[in-house]
C-alpha atoms as a PDB file:
ATOM      1  CA  MET A   1     -27.040  10.604   5.932  1.00  0.00           C
ATOM      2  CA  VAL A   2     -28.464   7.844   3.471  1.00  0.00           C
ATOM      3  CA  THR A   3     -26.195   5.061   3.234  1.00  0.00           C
ATOM      4  CA  GLN A   4     -26.660   4.024  -0.445  1.00  0.00           C
ATOM      5  CA  THR A   5     -25.614   0.416  -1.617  1.00  0.00           C
ATOM      6  CA  LEU A   6     -23.619   0.031  -4.793  1.00  0.00           C
ATOM      7  CA  SER A   7     -25.349  -1.667  -7.364  1.00  0.00           C
ATOM      8  CA  LEU A   8     -24.168  -4.983  -9.693  1.00  0.00           C
ATOM      9  CA  THR A   9     -23.065  -2.900 -12.226  1.00  0.00           C
ATOM     10  CA  GLY A  10     -21.152  -0.224  -9.623  1.00  0.00           C
ATOM     11  CA  ARG A  11     -19.368  -2.789  -8.061  1.00  0.00           C
ATOM     12  CA  ALA A  12     -18.163  -4.692 -10.973  1.00  0.00           C
ATOM     13  CA  LEU A  13     -16.757  -1.060 -12.479  1.00  0.00           C
ATOM     14  CA  ARG A  14     -15.138  -0.707  -9.110  1.00  0.00           C
ATOM     15  CA  LEU A  15     -13.401  -4.340  -9.602  1.00  0.00           C
ATOM     16  CA  LEU A  16     -12.726  -3.557 -13.314  1.00  0.00           C
ATOM     17  CA  SER A  17     -11.383   0.118 -12.634  1.00  0.00           C
ATOM     18  CA  THR A  18      -8.427  -1.618 -10.474  1.00  0.00           C
ATOM     19  CA  ARG A  19      -7.620  -4.134 -13.309  1.00  0.00           C
ATOM     20  CA  GLU A  20      -8.378  -6.706 -16.160  1.00  0.00           C
ATOM     21  CA  HIS A  21     -10.969  -9.310 -14.360  1.00  0.00           C
ATOM     22  CA  SER A  22     -12.514 -12.650 -16.389  1.00  0.00           C
ATOM     23  CA  ARG A  23     -15.896 -13.224 -16.480  1.00  0.00           C
ATOM     24  CA  ALA A  24     -15.720 -16.128 -14.101  1.00  0.00           C
ATOM     25  CA  GLU A  25     -13.910 -13.780 -11.807  1.00  0.00           C
ATOM     26  CA  LEU A  26     -16.675 -11.243 -11.466  1.00  0.00           C
ATOM     27  CA  GLU A  27     -18.942 -13.928 -11.351  1.00  0.00           C
ATOM     28  CA  ARG A  28     -17.337 -15.219  -7.948  1.00  0.00           C
ATOM     29  CA  LYS A  29     -16.861 -11.893  -6.640  1.00  0.00           C
ATOM     30  CA  LEU A  30     -20.089 -10.604  -7.008  1.00  0.00           C
ATOM     31  CA  GLY A  31     -22.468 -13.765  -6.917  1.00  0.00           C
ATOM     32  CA  ARG A  32     -23.257 -12.964  -3.026  1.00  0.00           C
ATOM     33  CA  PHE A  33     -24.704  -9.174  -3.731  1.00  0.00           C
ATOM     34  CA  GLU A  34     -27.040 -10.434  -6.484  1.00  0.00           C
ATOM     35  CA  GLU A  35     -30.465 -10.408  -5.357  1.00  0.00           C
ATOM     36  CA  GLU A  36     -32.544 -12.042  -7.835  1.00  0.00           C
ATOM     37  CA  ALA A  37     -31.277 -14.991 -10.524  1.00  0.00           C
ATOM     38  CA  GLY A  38     -29.925 -13.955 -13.583  1.00  0.00           C
ATOM     39  CA  GLN A  39     -29.318 -10.023 -12.449  1.00  0.00           C
ATOM     40  CA  LEU A  40     -25.767 -10.797 -12.288  1.00  0.00           C
ATOM     41  CA  ALA A  41     -25.380 -12.275 -15.768  1.00  0.00           C
ATOM     42  CA  LYS A  42     -27.406  -9.698 -17.717  1.00  0.00           C
ATOM     43  CA  VAL A  43     -24.859  -6.762 -15.907  1.00  0.00           C
ATOM     44  CA  LEU A  44     -21.390  -8.831 -16.999  1.00  0.00           C
ATOM     45  CA  ASP A  45     -23.565  -9.567 -20.534  1.00  0.00           C
ATOM     46  CA  ALA A  46     -24.204  -5.964 -20.923  1.00  0.00           C
ATOM     47  CA  LEU A  47     -20.621  -4.958 -19.552  1.00  0.00           C
ATOM     48  CA  ALA A  48     -18.847  -7.110 -22.195  1.00  0.00           C
ATOM     49  CA  ALA A  49     -21.280  -6.000 -24.902  1.00  0.00           C
ATOM     50  CA  LYS A  50     -19.560  -2.468 -24.092  1.00  0.00           C
ATOM     51  CA  ASP A  51     -16.158  -4.312 -23.914  1.00  0.00           C
ATOM     52  CA  PHE A  52     -15.709  -3.706 -20.202  1.00  0.00           C
ATOM     53  CA  ILE A  53     -14.710  -7.340 -20.109  1.00  0.00           C
ATOM     54  CA  ASN A  54     -12.188  -8.483 -22.161  1.00  0.00           C
ATOM     55  CA  GLU A  55     -10.628 -12.384 -21.671  1.00  0.00           C
ATOM     56  CA  GLU A  56      -8.036 -10.955 -24.641  1.00  0.00           C
ATOM     57  CA  ARG A  57      -7.165  -7.999 -22.373  1.00  0.00           C
ATOM     58  CA  VAL A  58      -7.194  -9.797 -19.119  1.00  0.00           C
ATOM     59  CA  VAL A  59      -4.538 -12.281 -20.813  1.00  0.00           C
ATOM     60  CA  GLU A  60      -2.518  -9.499 -22.030  1.00  0.00           C
ATOM     61  CA  SER A  61      -2.655  -7.769 -17.968  1.00  0.00           C
ATOM     62  CA  VAL A  62      -1.522 -11.186 -16.478  1.00  0.00           C
ATOM     63  CA  LEU A  63       1.365 -11.776 -19.061  1.00  0.00           C
ATOM     64  CA  HIS A  64       2.347  -7.935 -18.580  1.00  0.00           C
ATOM     65  CA  ARG A  65       2.730  -7.939 -14.922  1.00  0.00           C
ATOM     66  CA  ARG A  66       3.719 -11.410 -14.303  1.00  0.00           C
ATOM     67  CA  ALA A  67       5.934 -12.659 -16.923  1.00  0.00           C
ATOM     68  CA  ALA A  68       9.084 -11.344 -15.733  1.00  0.00           C
ATOM     69  CA  LYS A  69       9.190 -13.113 -12.429  1.00  0.00           C
ATOM     70  CA  LEU A  70       7.441 -16.176 -13.064  1.00  0.00           C
ATOM     71  CA  GLY A  71       7.642 -18.995 -15.220  1.00  0.00           C
ATOM     72  CA  ALA A  72       5.196 -20.784 -17.579  1.00  0.00           C
ATOM     73  CA  SER A  73       3.567 -22.814 -15.594  1.00  0.00           C
ATOM     74  CA  ARG A  74       2.875 -20.421 -12.845  1.00  0.00           C
ATOM     75  CA  ILE A  75       1.126 -18.296 -14.927  1.00  0.00           C
ATOM     76  CA  ARG A  76      -0.550 -21.100 -16.890  1.00  0.00           C
ATOM     77  CA  GLN A  77      -1.995 -22.121 -13.040  1.00  0.00           C
ATOM     78  CA  GLU A  78      -2.662 -18.390 -12.848  1.00  0.00           C
ATOM     79  CA  LEU A  79      -4.431 -18.015 -16.120  1.00  0.00           C
ATOM     80  CA  GLN A  80      -6.776 -21.110 -15.465  1.00  0.00           C
ATOM     81  CA  SER A  81      -7.120 -19.885 -12.321  1.00  0.00           C
ATOM     82  CA  LYS A  82      -9.377 -16.734 -13.674  1.00  0.00           C
ATOM     83  CA  GLY A  83     -11.645 -18.965 -15.670  1.00  0.00           C
ATOM     84  CA  LEU A  84     -10.371 -17.654 -19.168  1.00  0.00           C
ATOM     85  CA  ALA A  85     -10.968 -20.104 -22.353  1.00  0.00           C
ATOM     86  CA  PRO A  86      -7.947 -23.122 -22.507  1.00  0.00           C
ATOM     87  CA  GLU A  87      -7.161 -21.880 -26.077  1.00  0.00           C
ATOM     88  CA  ALA A  88      -6.475 -18.374 -24.752  1.00  0.00           C
ATOM     89  CA  VAL A  89      -4.640 -20.103 -22.422  1.00  0.00           C
ATOM     90  CA  ALA A  90      -2.585 -22.685 -24.308  1.00  0.00           C
ATOM     91  CA  GLN A  91      -1.935 -19.632 -26.831  1.00  0.00           C
ATOM     92  CA  ALA A  92      -0.214 -17.371 -24.105  1.00  0.00           C
ATOM     93  CA  ILE A  93       1.817 -20.120 -22.499  1.00  0.00           C
ATOM     94  CA  ASP A  94       3.200 -21.278 -26.344  1.00  0.00           C
ATOM     95  CA  GLU A  95       4.266 -17.595 -26.887  1.00  0.00           C
ATOM     96  CA  LEU A  96       6.344 -17.591 -22.752  1.00  0.00           C
ATOM     97  CA  ARG A  97       8.024 -20.475 -23.949  1.00  0.00           C
ATOM     98  CA  GLY A  98      10.334 -18.900 -26.082  1.00  0.00           C
ATOM     99  CA  SER A  99      11.602 -16.481 -23.945  1.00  0.00           C
ATOM    100  CA  GLU A 100      11.482 -19.048 -20.408  1.00  0.00           C
ATOM    101  CA  LEU A 101      15.225 -19.296 -20.138  1.00  0.00           C
ATOM    102  CA  GLU A 102      15.693 -15.556 -20.315  1.00  0.00           C
ATOM    103  CA  ARG A 103      13.507 -14.545 -17.856  1.00  0.00           C
ATOM    104  CA  ALA A 104      14.641 -17.647 -15.879  1.00  0.00           C
ATOM    105  CA  ARG A 105      18.132 -16.286 -15.641  1.00  0.00           C
ATOM    106  CA  GLU A 106      17.103 -12.820 -15.095  1.00  0.00           C
ATOM    107  CA  VAL A 107      15.351 -13.992 -12.073  1.00  0.00           C
ATOM    108  CA  TRP A 108      17.823 -15.770 -10.750  1.00  0.00           C
ATOM    109  CA  ARG A 109      20.804 -13.266 -11.410  1.00  0.00           C
ATOM    110  CA  LYS A 110      18.422 -10.301  -9.376  1.00  0.00           C
ATOM    111  CA  LYS A 111      18.171 -13.195  -6.097  1.00  0.00           C
ATOM    112  CA  PHE A 112      21.359 -14.870  -6.604  1.00  0.00           C
ATOM    113  CA  GLY A 113      23.899 -13.581  -8.957  1.00  0.00           C
ATOM    114  CA  GLN A 114      26.333 -16.323  -8.742  1.00  0.00           C
ATOM    115  CA  ALA A 115      26.952 -19.748  -9.268  1.00  0.00           C
ATOM    116  CA  PRO A 116      25.985 -22.272  -6.070  1.00  0.00           C
ATOM    117  CA  VAL A 117      29.136 -23.557  -4.601  1.00  0.00           C
ATOM    118  CA  ASP A 118      27.718 -26.773  -2.993  1.00  0.00           C
ATOM    119  CA  ALA A 119      24.663 -28.849  -3.214  1.00  0.00           C
ATOM    120  CA  ALA A 120      22.659 -27.160  -0.519  1.00  0.00           C
ATOM    121  CA  GLN A 121      23.232 -23.880  -2.460  1.00  0.00           C
ATOM    122  CA  ARG A 122      22.227 -25.729  -5.721  1.00  0.00           C
ATOM    123  CA  GLY A 123      19.460 -27.019  -3.838  1.00  0.00           C
ATOM    124  CA  LYS A 124      18.362 -23.745  -2.707  1.00  0.00           C
ATOM    125  CA  GLN A 125      18.747 -21.932  -6.206  1.00  0.00           C
ATOM    126  CA  MET A 126      16.801 -25.009  -8.048  1.00  0.00           C
ATOM    127  CA  ARG A 127      13.640 -24.846  -5.193  1.00  0.00           C
ATOM    128  CA  PHE A 128      13.727 -21.369  -5.466  1.00  0.00           C
ATOM    129  CA  LEU A 129      13.349 -21.433  -9.502  1.00  0.00           C
ATOM    130  CA  ALA A 130      11.053 -24.060  -9.688  1.00  0.00           C
ATOM    131  CA  ALA A 131       8.196 -22.133  -7.331  1.00  0.00           C
ATOM    132  CA  ARG A 132       8.586 -19.481  -9.742  1.00  0.00           C
ATOM    133  CA  GLY A 133       7.279 -22.056 -12.197  1.00  0.00           C
ATOM    134  CA  PHE A 134      10.040 -22.672 -14.236  1.00  0.00           C
ATOM    135  CA  GLY A 135      10.676 -26.065 -15.842  1.00  0.00           C
ATOM    136  CA  GLY A 136      13.317 -28.482 -14.971  1.00  0.00           C
ATOM    137  CA  GLU A 137      15.751 -28.694 -18.168  1.00  0.00           C
ATOM    138  CA  THR A 138      15.220 -24.406 -17.498  1.00  0.00           C
ATOM    139  CA  ILE A 139      16.188 -24.351 -13.909  1.00  0.00           C
ATOM    140  CA  HIS A 140      18.954 -27.054 -14.653  1.00  0.00           C
ATOM    141  CA  LYS A 141      20.259 -25.000 -17.201  1.00  0.00           C
ATOM    142  CA  VAL A 142      20.459 -21.687 -15.445  1.00  0.00           C
ATOM    143  CA  VAL A 143      21.658 -23.070 -11.887  1.00  0.00           C
ATOM    144  CA  SER A 144      24.653 -25.137 -13.660  1.00  0.00           C
ATOM    145  CA  GLY A 145      25.107 -21.672 -15.820  1.00  0.00           C
ATOM    146  CA  GLY A 146      24.718 -23.691 -19.822  1.00  0.00           C
ATOM    147  CA  ASP A 147      23.945 -21.867 -22.196  1.00  0.00           C
ATOM    148  CA  ASP A 148      21.418 -22.475 -24.531  1.00  0.00           C
END
């Protein structure tokens, strides 16, 4: 039996087959497999030319997968960690801000479903929403049950 090692292209395609990856993510994950300088850059350039690597799709994918459960600040952090352009991240976060309150209410409703009866429960609910990346004003509105 001959064991064949995957080429950089093969490794990149395997990663891309599971979900969208940004160029920076692929560079991080595949850098250790690069045998000669510049080889990885050529592979990623070829994949980008064929539209296998697309920042716009990465942003859409993250928003689709994470927006229902996370607030704008957590999603911003995730997008930034993927090495995406700051303009693309800012635009995506601006789009999310409009639905922040509704998304926070839904996350809160699924987890708790009723208003806190004491300060300890209130703190727990607020910390939960904050950990999910929702903003302070949004958290206050959701936990206090206020409209708007």
